Amino acid sequence: MKVRFDYQVVCHRDDNGSYVASAPVIAGCHAIGPTPELAQEELHNVFEMIAEEFAARGIHAASPSEQPEARDRQSGAHVEAA
């Protein structure tokens, strides 16, 4: 299953061999899985829960254009993803 995100997603292998996927612009939005794909699928579920919580509290989530990568692209700067 392919998962599409409008936010930058970072995925890396942890010391224990599992994969950690996160959306750095959203505090607490991270998930773990045995493969990068499963970590990203779980991240989608976490994102949905956070989005529902933000909506219930009337909190504004950072839009994709507020991500550092998008701001740097607009200013002409180039940032390498980790």
C-alpha atoms as a PDB file:
ATOM      1  CA  MET A   1       0.000   0.000   0.000  1.00  0.00           C
ATOM      2  CA  LYS A   2       1.387   3.398  -0.988  1.00  0.00           C
ATOM      3  CA  VAL A   3       0.971   6.243   1.486  1.00  0.00           C
ATOM      4  CA  ARG A   4       1.073   9.872   0.327  1.00  0.00           C
ATOM      5  CA  PHE A   5       2.034  12.659   2.688  1.00  0.00           C
ATOM      6  CA  ASP A   6       1.833  16.405   2.142  1.00  0.00           C
ATOM      7  CA  TYR A   7       4.460  16.809   4.859  1.00  0.00           C
ATOM      8  CA  GLN A   8       8.141  15.993   4.729  1.00  0.00           C
ATOM      9  CA  VAL A   9       8.634  12.501   6.139  1.00  0.00           C
ATOM     10  CA  VAL A  10      11.982  11.320   7.458  1.00  0.00           C
ATOM     11  CA  CYS A  11      12.608   7.598   7.790  1.00  0.00           C
ATOM     12  CA  HIS A  12      15.720   6.022   9.305  1.00  0.00           C
ATOM     13  CA  ARG A  13      16.831   2.677  10.645  1.00  0.00           C
ATOM     14  CA  ASP A  14      17.106   2.519  14.429  1.00  0.00           C
ATOM     15  CA  ASP A  15      19.867   0.756  16.368  1.00  0.00           C
ATOM     16  CA  ASN A  16      17.578  -2.215  17.048  1.00  0.00           C
ATOM     17  CA  GLY A  17      16.887  -2.771  13.328  1.00  0.00           C
ATOM     18  CA  SER A  18      13.400  -1.261  13.245  1.00  0.00           C
ATOM     19  CA  TYR A  19      12.551   1.780  11.133  1.00  0.00           C
ATOM     20  CA  VAL A  20      11.392   5.111  12.516  1.00  0.00           C
ATOM     21  CA  ALA A  21       9.295   7.411  10.345  1.00  0.00           C
ATOM     22  CA  SER A  22       8.497  10.952  11.451  1.00  0.00           C
ATOM     23  CA  ALA A  23       7.022  14.233  10.271  1.00  0.00           C
ATOM     24  CA  PRO A  24       9.477  16.646  11.950  1.00  0.00           C
ATOM     25  CA  VAL A  25       7.237  19.696  11.586  1.00  0.00           C
ATOM     26  CA  ILE A  26       4.576  18.060  13.813  1.00  0.00           C
ATOM     27  CA  ALA A  27       5.647  17.387  17.398  1.00  0.00           C
ATOM     28  CA  GLY A  28       5.029  13.782  18.418  1.00  0.00           C
ATOM     29  CA  CYS A  29       4.306  12.570  14.895  1.00  0.00           C
ATOM     30  CA  HIS A  30       6.503   9.498  14.645  1.00  0.00           C
ATOM     31  CA  ALA A  31       6.020   5.766  14.236  1.00  0.00           C
ATOM     32  CA  ILE A  32       8.045   2.558  14.251  1.00  0.00           C
ATOM     33  CA  GLY A  33       7.825  -0.452  11.947  1.00  0.00           C
ATOM     34  CA  PRO A  34       9.847  -3.476  10.812  1.00  0.00           C
ATOM     35  CA  THR A  35      10.220  -1.961   7.315  1.00  0.00           C
ATOM     36  CA  PRO A  36      10.281   1.631   6.028  1.00  0.00           C
ATOM     37  CA  GLU A  37       6.942   1.059   4.299  1.00  0.00           C
ATOM     38  CA  LEU A  38       5.220  -0.249   7.436  1.00  0.00           C
ATOM     39  CA  ALA A  39       6.685   2.574   9.538  1.00  0.00           C
ATOM     40  CA  GLN A  40       5.258   5.082   7.045  1.00  0.00           C
ATOM     41  CA  GLU A  41       1.865   3.364   7.025  1.00  0.00           C
ATOM     42  CA  GLU A  42       1.784   3.530  10.819  1.00  0.00           C
ATOM     43  CA  LEU A  43       2.872   7.185  10.624  1.00  0.00           C
ATOM     44  CA  HIS A  44      -0.218   7.840   8.513  1.00  0.00           C
ATOM     45  CA  ASN A  45      -2.364   6.469  11.372  1.00  0.00           C
ATOM     46  CA  VAL A  46      -0.500   8.602  13.920  1.00  0.00           C
ATOM     47  CA  PHE A  47      -0.930  11.678  11.716  1.00  0.00           C
ATOM     48  CA  GLU A  48      -4.679  11.063  11.487  1.00  0.00           C
ATOM     49  CA  MET A  49      -4.949  10.804  15.290  1.00  0.00           C
ATOM     50  CA  ILE A  50      -2.952  14.005  15.770  1.00  0.00           C
ATOM     51  CA  ALA A  51      -5.004  15.841  13.129  1.00  0.00           C
ATOM     52  CA  GLU A  52      -8.235  14.813  14.881  1.00  0.00           C
ATOM     53  CA  GLU A  53      -6.859  15.948  18.240  1.00  0.00           C
ATOM     54  CA  PHE A  54      -5.709  19.286  16.798  1.00  0.00           C
ATOM     55  CA  ALA A  55      -9.127  19.840  15.200  1.00  0.00           C
ATOM     56  CA  ALA A  56     -10.926  19.016  18.452  1.00  0.00           C
ATOM     57  CA  ARG A  57      -8.767  21.530  20.320  1.00  0.00           C
ATOM     58  CA  GLY A  58      -8.865  24.185  17.603  1.00  0.00           C
ATOM     59  CA  ILE A  59      -5.094  24.007  17.171  1.00  0.00           C
ATOM     60  CA  HIS A  60      -3.531  25.003  13.844  1.00  0.00           C
ATOM     61  CA  ALA A  61      -1.200  22.343  12.472  1.00  0.00           C
ATOM     62  CA  ALA A  62       1.762  23.595  10.473  1.00  0.00           C
ATOM     63  CA  SER A  63       0.911  23.617   6.794  1.00  0.00           C
ATOM     64  CA  PRO A  64       3.338  21.992   4.348  1.00  0.00           C
ATOM     65  CA  SER A  65       4.487  25.472   3.215  1.00  0.00           C
ATOM     66  CA  GLU A  66       5.592  26.183   6.807  1.00  0.00           C
ATOM     67  CA  GLN A  67       8.093  23.331   6.750  1.00  0.00           C
ATOM     68  CA  PRO A  68      11.752  24.417   6.735  1.00  0.00           C
ATOM     69  CA  GLU A  69      12.357  22.622   3.412  1.00  0.00           C
ATOM     70  CA  ALA A  70       9.522  24.532   1.704  1.00  0.00           C
ATOM     71  CA  ARG A  71      10.642  27.885   3.170  1.00  0.00           C
ATOM     72  CA  ASP A  72      14.214  27.291   2.008  1.00  0.00           C
ATOM     73  CA  ARG A  73      13.015  26.288  -1.468  1.00  0.00           C
ATOM     74  CA  GLN A  74      11.043  29.537  -1.690  1.00  0.00           C
ATOM     75  CA  SER A  75      14.066  31.585  -0.570  1.00  0.00           C
ATOM     76  CA  GLY A  76      16.386  29.822  -3.021  1.00  0.00           C
ATOM     77  CA  ALA A  77      18.405  28.014  -0.355  1.00  0.00           C
ATOM     78  CA  HIS A  78      19.105  24.306  -0.746  1.00  0.00           C
ATOM     79  CA  VAL A  79      18.819  21.922   2.199  1.00  0.00           C
ATOM     80  CA  GLU A  80      19.863  18.273   2.086  1.00  0.00           C
ATOM     81  CA  ALA A  81      17.527  15.797   3.772  1.00  0.00           C
ATOM     82  CA  ALA A  82      19.083  13.665   6.504  1.00  0.00           C
END
